[in-house]
C-alpha atoms as a PDB file:
ATOM      1  CA  MET A   1       0.009   0.005   0.003  1.00  0.00           C
ATOM      2  CA  SER A   2       1.383   3.338  -1.051  1.00  0.00           C
ATOM      3  CA  SER A   3       0.575   6.479   0.950  1.00  0.00           C
ATOM      4  CA  GLY A   4       2.223   8.830  -1.555  1.00  0.00           C
ATOM      5  CA  PRO A   5      -0.890  10.070  -3.385  1.00  0.00           C
ATOM      6  CA  VAL A   6      -2.780  10.558  -0.125  1.00  0.00           C
ATOM      7  CA  ILE A   7      -0.018  12.684   1.379  1.00  0.00           C
ATOM      8  CA  GLN A   8       0.320  14.675  -1.843  1.00  0.00           C
ATOM      9  CA  SER A   9      -3.413  15.399  -1.960  1.00  0.00           C
ATOM     10  CA  LEU A  10      -3.409  16.474   1.703  1.00  0.00           C
ATOM     11  CA  SER A  11      -0.454  18.794   1.188  1.00  0.00           C
ATOM     12  CA  SER A  12      -2.069  20.354  -1.871  1.00  0.00           C
ATOM     13  CA  ILE A  13      -5.257  20.933   0.094  1.00  0.00           C
ATOM     14  CA  GLY A  14      -3.224  22.534   2.869  1.00  0.00           C
ATOM     15  CA  SER A  15      -1.439  24.862   0.466  1.00  0.00           C
ATOM     16  CA  GLN A  16      -4.741  25.844  -1.183  1.00  0.00           C
ATOM     17  CA  VAL A  17      -6.224  26.642   2.224  1.00  0.00           C
ATOM     18  CA  GLY A  18      -3.114  28.671   3.076  1.00  0.00           C
ATOM     19  CA  GLN A  19      -3.350  30.629  -0.171  1.00  0.00           C
ATOM     20  CA  TYR A  20      -7.034  31.337   0.435  1.00  0.00           C
ATOM     21  CA  ALA A  21      -6.354  32.503   4.000  1.00  0.00           C
ATOM     22  CA  ARG A  22      -3.523  34.795   2.793  1.00  0.00           C
ATOM     23  CA  ARG A  23      -5.784  36.312   0.133  1.00  0.00           C
ATOM     24  CA  GLN A  24      -8.539  36.911   2.685  1.00  0.00           C
ATOM     25  CA  ALA A  25      -6.112  38.433   5.168  1.00  0.00           C
ATOM     26  CA  ASN A  26      -4.667  40.751   2.505  1.00  0.00           C
ATOM     27  CA  ALA A  27      -8.133  41.826   1.374  1.00  0.00           C
ATOM     28  CA  TRP A  28      -9.126  42.568   4.979  1.00  0.00           C
ATOM     29  CA  ARG A  29      -5.919  44.502   5.627  1.00  0.00           C
ATOM     30  CA  ASP A  30      -6.384  46.515   2.435  1.00  0.00           C
ATOM     31  CA  ARG A  31      -9.952  47.366   3.399  1.00  0.00           C
ATOM     32  CA  ILE A  32      -8.901  48.514   6.864  1.00  0.00           C
ATOM     33  CA  LEU A  33      -5.784  50.473   5.870  1.00  0.00           C
ATOM     34  CA  THR A  34      -7.008  52.124   2.682  1.00  0.00           C
ATOM     35  CA  THR A  35      -9.884  54.139   3.993  1.00  0.00           C
ATOM     36  CA  ASP A  36     -10.765  57.530   2.517  1.00  0.00           C
ATOM     37  CA  LYS A  37      -9.269  59.235   5.558  1.00  0.00           C
ATOM     38  CA  SER A  38      -5.893  57.526   5.188  1.00  0.00           C
ATOM     39  CA  ARG A  39      -5.876  58.230   1.435  1.00  0.00           C
ATOM     40  CA  ARG A  40      -6.594  61.919   2.035  1.00  0.00           C
ATOM     41  CA  ARG A  41      -3.917  62.103   4.710  1.00  0.00           C
ATOM     42  CA  ALA A  42      -1.312  60.463   2.446  1.00  0.00           C
ATOM     43  CA  GLN A  43      -2.250  62.783  -0.382  1.00  0.00           C
ATOM     44  CA  LEU A  44      -2.010  65.796   1.931  1.00  0.00           C
ATOM     45  CA  VAL A  45       1.442  64.806   3.139  1.00  0.00           C
ATOM     46  CA  GLN A  46       2.615  64.177  -0.418  1.00  0.00           C
ATOM     47  CA  THR A  47       1.246  67.550  -1.576  1.00  0.00           C
ATOM     48  CA  SER A  48       2.728  69.301   1.440  1.00  0.00           C
ATOM     49  CA  PHE A  49       6.210  67.947   0.713  1.00  0.00           C
ATOM     50  CA  ALA A  50       5.890  68.911  -2.956  1.00  0.00           C
ATOM     51  CA  VAL A  51       4.759  72.443  -2.071  1.00  0.00           C
ATOM     52  CA  HIS A  52       7.382  72.967   0.645  1.00  0.00           C
ATOM     53  CA  ARG A  53      10.324  71.392  -1.193  1.00  0.00           C
ATOM     54  CA  PRO A  54      12.107  74.763  -1.651  1.00  0.00           C
ATOM     55  CA  VAL A  55      11.700  75.452   2.075  1.00  0.00           C
ATOM     56  CA  TRP A  56      13.255  72.090   2.984  1.00  0.00           C
ATOM     57  CA  ILE A  57      16.137  72.664   0.566  1.00  0.00           C
ATOM     58  CA  THR A  58      16.772  76.124   2.008  1.00  0.00           C
ATOM     59  CA  ALA A  59      16.618  74.793   5.544  1.00  0.00           C
ATOM     60  CA  GLY A  60      19.069  72.010   4.692  1.00  0.00           C
ATOM     61  CA  GLY A  61      21.462  74.520   3.171  1.00  0.00           C
ATOM     62  CA  ALA A  62      21.198  76.750   6.220  1.00  0.00           C
ATOM     63  CA  ALA A  63      21.880  73.840   8.578  1.00  0.00           C
ATOM     64  CA  TYR A  64      24.900  72.824   6.523  1.00  0.00           C
ATOM     65  CA  THR A  65      26.225  76.411   6.477  1.00  0.00           C
ATOM     66  CA  SER A  66      25.732  76.769  10.225  1.00  0.00           C
ATOM     67  CA  ALA A  67      27.538  73.513  10.952  1.00  0.00           C
ATOM     68  CA  ALA A  68      30.428  74.574   8.699  1.00  0.00           C
ATOM     69  CA  ALA A  69      30.627  77.950  10.437  1.00  0.00           C
ATOM     70  CA  VAL A  70      30.739  76.295  13.870  1.00  0.00           C
ATOM     71  CA  LEU A  71      33.490  73.947  12.698  1.00  0.00           C
ATOM     72  CA  LEU A  72      35.571  76.812  11.296  1.00  0.00           C
ATOM     73  CA  THR A  73      35.058  78.830  14.472  1.00  0.00           C
ATOM     74  CA  LEU A  74      36.249  75.958  16.611  1.00  0.00           C
ATOM     75  CA  ARG A  75      39.314  75.490  14.407  1.00  0.00           C
ATOM     76  CA  TYR A  76      40.246  79.164  14.676  1.00  0.00           C
ATOM     77  CA  LEU A  77      39.682  79.186  18.457  1.00  0.00           C
ATOM     78  CA  LYS A  78      42.243  76.360  18.741  1.00  0.00           C
ATOM     79  CA  ARG A  79      44.868  78.652  17.205  1.00  0.00           C
ATOM     80  CA  LEU A  80      44.276  81.447  19.725  1.00  0.00           C
ATOM     81  CA  ARG A  81      45.836  79.584  22.650  1.00  0.00           C
END
């Protein structure tokens, strides 16, 4: 008596059940996470970054310049000893 086909059929049923459960879980997650409120919030954040990009670039440049000025000041203060 060979148990090969029986085990194969059971494993294929198990994998089909697993695939179905994963599809159902993904559909449920998508329904919960993609509400109109979350879509609007994501769109608002994306639009905000696009609109304020020049401000972020300017702020980054200012931070870099300030850090460089502090570094240069500390180097020159070392020489004053």
